[in-house]
Structure formats: C-alpha cells, structure tokens
C-alpha cells in the first residue's frame, strides 16, 4: 500500500494522445508512400501495399539494429509498437540479442523467440476461422 501511494502516476491521457498521433503519422506516411508508388510508378494497390509493408518492416528493423528504436518506444508508447513496426522490432531485437552466438545457434535459433507465439496463434486462429466459415456455409 505504501509503495503504491508513492509510485508516480502515469499520464495516461498524454500517452494515449502521443500514441494516437504517432500511429496516425506512421499510417499517413505509409499512405503517402503508397500513393506515390501507385501514381508515379504505376503499381497496383496490392503491389504498393506490399512494398509499403516491406519498407515499414525494413525501417523498423534497421532502427532496431542501430539501437535507437527502444528509446523512441519509451517516448511514443504503443503508437510505435502496435503497427507492423512492433512486430519487426520484436523479431529484430530477439535475433540481435544473440548475434554473438553465431548465425545458426545465435541468430537462427532466436529469430522468432518473441514473435513465434504471435505467428503460431495467428496461424491457429486463421485455421479455426476457416473451419468455422466452411461449417457455416462459405
């Protein structure tokens, strides 16, 4: 009770606003890149979406490898983690943590340490939803 009383309160409303703005800016930037790809380079909507996803994942992984993504997350909170950038960061950071152990036992075996459960349960839930759709009449 005493510790709880003296623990500083987290500014939830400010964190919500910052996360909303940062996540929105990431979405806006991705949409601008997508529009440039579609209008200037004649990519289809699907192709532009794939390229934008690759760019966002690549930039987040690069920033994780350079070491300043974590400090941005401490300032931007969930606005930086919830989009695709958070998934790229989790994969990159778990791999980089063990890079001294070598390519196989270090990077290779720890690459999906954090993201593996997300991938596993995503595949399982997709499989179950397909089964439900088939049973219902799809």
C-alpha atoms as a PDB file:
ATOM      1  CA  UNK A   1       0.000   0.000   0.000  1.00  0.00           C
ATOM      2  CA  UNK A   2       2.833   2.403   0.870  1.00  0.00           C
ATOM      3  CA  UNK A   3       4.688   1.690  -2.376  1.00  0.00           C
ATOM      4  CA  UNK A   4       1.537   2.193  -4.406  1.00  0.00           C
ATOM      5  CA  UNK A   5       0.943   5.522  -2.654  1.00  0.00           C
ATOM      6  CA  UNK A   6       4.405   6.890  -3.536  1.00  0.00           C
ATOM      7  CA  UNK A   7       4.695   5.454  -7.049  1.00  0.00           C
ATOM      8  CA  UNK A   8       4.359   8.268  -9.609  1.00  0.00           C
ATOM      9  CA  UNK A   9       1.180   8.085 -11.648  1.00  0.00           C
ATOM     10  CA  UNK A  10       1.489   7.521 -15.366  1.00  0.00           C
ATOM     11  CA  UNK A  11      -0.029  10.290 -17.533  1.00  0.00           C
ATOM     12  CA  UNK A  12      -2.465   8.000 -19.363  1.00  0.00           C
ATOM     13  CA  UNK A  13      -4.263  10.699 -21.326  1.00  0.00           C
ATOM     14  CA  UNK A  14      -0.984  12.172 -22.617  1.00  0.00           C
ATOM     15  CA  UNK A  15       0.301   8.686 -23.503  1.00  0.00           C
ATOM     16  CA  UNK A  16      -2.941   7.981 -25.351  1.00  0.00           C
ATOM     17  CA  UNK A  17      -2.619  11.211 -27.339  1.00  0.00           C
ATOM     18  CA  UNK A  18       1.023  10.617 -28.218  1.00  0.00           C
ATOM     19  CA  UNK A  19       0.330   7.018 -29.263  1.00  0.00           C
ATOM     20  CA  UNK A  20      -2.623   8.145 -31.375  1.00  0.00           C
ATOM     21  CA  UNK A  21      -0.595  10.847 -33.128  1.00  0.00           C
ATOM     22  CA  UNK A  22       2.480   8.667 -33.731  1.00  0.00           C
ATOM     23  CA  UNK A  23       0.424   5.726 -35.009  1.00  0.00           C
ATOM     24  CA  UNK A  24      -1.538   8.106 -37.219  1.00  0.00           C
ATOM     25  CA  UNK A  25       1.635   9.657 -38.597  1.00  0.00           C
ATOM     26  CA  UNK A  26       3.010   6.204 -39.432  1.00  0.00           C
ATOM     27  CA  UNK A  27      -0.241   5.394 -41.225  1.00  0.00           C
ATOM     28  CA  UNK A  28      -0.208   8.732 -43.038  1.00  0.00           C
ATOM     29  CA  UNK A  29       3.393   8.265 -44.140  1.00  0.00           C
ATOM     30  CA  UNK A  30       2.609   4.752 -45.361  1.00  0.00           C
ATOM     31  CA  UNK A  31      -0.386   6.056 -47.311  1.00  0.00           C
ATOM     32  CA  UNK A  32       1.709   8.820 -48.902  1.00  0.00           C
ATOM     33  CA  UNK A  33       4.326   6.280 -49.979  1.00  0.00           C
ATOM     34  CA  UNK A  34       1.563   4.037 -51.342  1.00  0.00           C
ATOM     35  CA  UNK A  35       0.041   6.896 -53.344  1.00  0.00           C
ATOM     36  CA  UNK A  36       3.461   7.821 -54.753  1.00  0.00           C
ATOM     37  CA  UNK A  37       4.051   4.216 -55.798  1.00  0.00           C
ATOM     38  CA  UNK A  38       0.624   3.978 -57.444  1.00  0.00           C
ATOM     39  CA  UNK A  39       0.630   7.353 -59.198  1.00  0.00           C
ATOM     40  CA  UNK A  40       4.280   7.815 -60.159  1.00  0.00           C
ATOM     41  CA  UNK A  41       5.384   4.231 -60.741  1.00  0.00           C
ATOM     42  CA  UNK A  42       2.082   2.629 -61.863  1.00  0.00           C
ATOM     43  CA  UNK A  43       1.999  -0.081 -59.189  1.00  0.00           C
ATOM     44  CA  UNK A  44      -1.340  -1.691 -58.413  1.00  0.00           C
ATOM     45  CA  UNK A  45      -2.905  -1.162 -54.987  1.00  0.00           C
ATOM     46  CA  UNK A  46      -1.848  -4.637 -53.840  1.00  0.00           C
ATOM     47  CA  UNK A  47       1.729  -4.217 -55.066  1.00  0.00           C
ATOM     48  CA  UNK A  48       2.029  -0.774 -53.484  1.00  0.00           C
ATOM     49  CA  UNK A  49       0.693  -2.148 -50.187  1.00  0.00           C
ATOM     50  CA  UNK A  50       3.247  -4.942 -50.191  1.00  0.00           C
ATOM     51  CA  UNK A  51       6.101  -2.566 -50.939  1.00  0.00           C
ATOM     52  CA  UNK A  52       4.978  -0.169 -48.194  1.00  0.00           C
ATOM     53  CA  UNK A  53       4.808  -3.056 -45.715  1.00  0.00           C
ATOM     54  CA  UNK A  54       8.338  -4.092 -46.687  1.00  0.00           C
ATOM     55  CA  UNK A  55       9.573  -0.509 -46.292  1.00  0.00           C
ATOM     56  CA  UNK A  56       7.989  -0.137 -42.834  1.00  0.00           C
ATOM     57  CA  UNK A  57       9.357  -3.503 -41.683  1.00  0.00           C
ATOM     58  CA  UNK A  58      12.810  -2.725 -43.094  1.00  0.00           C
ATOM     59  CA  UNK A  59      12.989   0.717 -41.495  1.00  0.00           C
ATOM     60  CA  UNK A  60      11.836  -0.602 -38.100  1.00  0.00           C
ATOM     61  CA  UNK A  61      14.377  -3.430 -38.254  1.00  0.00           C
ATOM     62  CA  UNK A  62      17.130  -1.022 -39.285  1.00  0.00           C
ATOM     63  CA  UNK A  63      16.286   1.369 -36.440  1.00  0.00           C
ATOM     64  CA  UNK A  64      16.293  -1.586 -34.017  1.00  0.00           C
ATOM     65  CA  UNK A  65      19.717  -2.672 -35.265  1.00  0.00           C
ATOM     66  CA  UNK A  66      21.058   0.876 -34.948  1.00  0.00           C
ATOM     67  CA  UNK A  67      19.848   0.920 -31.350  1.00  0.00           C
ATOM     68  CA  UNK A  68      17.505   3.881 -31.131  1.00  0.00           C
ATOM     69  CA  UNK A  69      14.107   2.230 -31.675  1.00  0.00           C
ATOM     70  CA  UNK A  70      13.814   1.380 -27.958  1.00  0.00           C
ATOM     71  CA  UNK A  71      14.322   4.994 -26.900  1.00  0.00           C
ATOM     72  CA  UNK A  72      11.639   6.076 -29.378  1.00  0.00           C
ATOM     73  CA  UNK A  73       9.252   3.464 -27.955  1.00  0.00           C
ATOM     74  CA  UNK A  74       9.760   4.849 -24.453  1.00  0.00           C
ATOM     75  CA  UNK A  75       8.602   8.234 -25.756  1.00  0.00           C
ATOM     76  CA  UNK A  76       5.946   7.189 -28.280  1.00  0.00           C
ATOM     77  CA  UNK A  77       4.496   4.208 -26.365  1.00  0.00           C
ATOM     78  CA  UNK A  78       2.058   1.985 -28.277  1.00  0.00           C
ATOM     79  CA  UNK A  79       1.866   4.273 -31.292  1.00  0.00           C
ATOM     80  CA  UNK A  80       5.148   2.784 -32.425  1.00  0.00           C
ATOM     81  CA  UNK A  81       4.679  -0.781 -31.201  1.00  0.00           C
ATOM     82  CA  UNK A  82       1.143  -1.681 -32.283  1.00  0.00           C
ATOM     83  CA  UNK A  83       1.609  -1.227 -36.047  1.00  0.00           C
ATOM     84  CA  UNK A  84       3.774  -3.554 -38.119  1.00  0.00           C
ATOM     85  CA  UNK A  85       6.818  -1.800 -36.719  1.00  0.00           C
ATOM     86  CA  UNK A  86       6.312  -3.531 -33.364  1.00  0.00           C
ATOM     87  CA  UNK A  87       6.372  -6.966 -34.959  1.00  0.00           C
ATOM     88  CA  UNK A  88       9.513  -6.118 -36.931  1.00  0.00           C
ATOM     89  CA  UNK A  89      11.126  -4.776 -33.769  1.00  0.00           C
ATOM     90  CA  UNK A  90      10.352  -7.932 -31.799  1.00  0.00           C
ATOM     91  CA  UNK A  91      11.857 -10.171 -34.460  1.00  0.00           C
ATOM     92  CA  UNK A  92      14.936  -7.995 -34.947  1.00  0.00           C
ATOM     93  CA  UNK A  93      15.657  -7.395 -31.273  1.00  0.00           C
ATOM     94  CA  UNK A  94      15.428 -11.072 -30.303  1.00  0.00           C
ATOM     95  CA  UNK A  95      17.771 -12.006 -33.142  1.00  0.00           C
ATOM     96  CA  UNK A  96      20.277  -9.245 -32.409  1.00  0.00           C
ATOM     97  CA  UNK A  97      20.391 -10.125 -28.731  1.00  0.00           C
ATOM     98  CA  UNK A  98      22.089 -13.433 -29.567  1.00  0.00           C
ATOM     99  CA  UNK A  99      24.222 -12.406 -32.576  1.00  0.00           C
ATOM    100  CA  UNK A 100      27.462 -13.189 -30.688  1.00  0.00           C
ATOM    101  CA  UNK A 101      26.481 -16.867 -30.573  1.00  0.00           C
ATOM    102  CA  UNK A 102      26.792 -17.222 -34.355  1.00  0.00           C
ATOM    103  CA  UNK A 103      24.494 -17.452 -37.340  1.00  0.00           C
ATOM    104  CA  UNK A 104      22.906 -20.827 -36.522  1.00  0.00           C
ATOM    105  CA  UNK A 105      22.781 -21.059 -32.737  1.00  0.00           C
ATOM    106  CA  UNK A 106      22.521 -17.304 -32.229  1.00  0.00           C
ATOM    107  CA  UNK A 107      20.548 -15.513 -34.922  1.00  0.00           C
ATOM    108  CA  UNK A 108      18.835 -18.502 -36.455  1.00  0.00           C
ATOM    109  CA  UNK A 109      17.583 -20.181 -33.310  1.00  0.00           C
ATOM    110  CA  UNK A 110      16.435 -16.959 -31.616  1.00  0.00           C
ATOM    111  CA  UNK A 111      14.980 -15.097 -34.588  1.00  0.00           C
ATOM    112  CA  UNK A 112      11.341 -15.805 -33.764  1.00  0.00           C
ATOM    113  CA  UNK A 113      11.729 -16.082 -29.999  1.00  0.00           C
ATOM    114  CA  UNK A 114       9.368 -13.184 -29.231  1.00  0.00           C
ATOM    115  CA  UNK A 115       7.310 -13.228 -32.414  1.00  0.00           C
ATOM    116  CA  UNK A 116       6.949 -17.002 -32.639  1.00  0.00           C
ATOM    117  CA  UNK A 117       3.917 -17.114 -30.375  1.00  0.00           C
ATOM    118  CA  UNK A 118       2.215 -14.383 -32.420  1.00  0.00           C
ATOM    119  CA  UNK A 119       2.828 -16.327 -35.615  1.00  0.00           C
ATOM    120  CA  UNK A 120       1.706 -19.621 -34.038  1.00  0.00           C
ATOM    121  CA  UNK A 121      -1.563 -18.305 -32.647  1.00  0.00           C
ATOM    122  CA  UNK A 122      -2.216 -16.290 -35.793  1.00  0.00           C
ATOM    123  CA  UNK A 123      -1.962 -19.459 -37.896  1.00  0.00           C
ATOM    124  CA  UNK A 124      -4.093 -21.467 -35.456  1.00  0.00           C
ATOM    125  CA  UNK A 125      -6.815 -18.807 -35.268  1.00  0.00           C
ATOM    126  CA  UNK A 126      -6.844 -18.432 -39.067  1.00  0.00           C
ATOM    127  CA  UNK A 127      -7.224 -22.212 -39.426  1.00  0.00           C
ATOM    128  CA  UNK A 128     -10.088 -22.296 -36.914  1.00  0.00           C
ATOM    129  CA  UNK A 129     -11.853 -19.384 -38.595  1.00  0.00           C
ATOM    130  CA  UNK A 130     -11.633 -21.138 -41.959  1.00  0.00           C
ATOM    131  CA  UNK A 131     -13.168 -24.263 -40.396  1.00  0.00           C
ATOM    132  CA  UNK A 132     -15.993 -22.159 -38.895  1.00  0.00           C
ATOM    133  CA  UNK A 133     -16.593 -20.474 -42.229  1.00  0.00           C
ATOM    134  CA  UNK A 134     -16.763 -23.830 -44.010  1.00  0.00           C
ATOM    135  CA  UNK A 135     -19.202 -25.206 -41.432  1.00  0.00           C
ATOM    136  CA  UNK A 136     -21.435 -22.133 -41.600  1.00  0.00           C
ATOM    137  CA  UNK A 137     -21.554 -22.328 -45.365  1.00  0.00           C
ATOM    138  CA  UNK A 138     -18.751 -20.483 -47.071  1.00  0.00           C
END
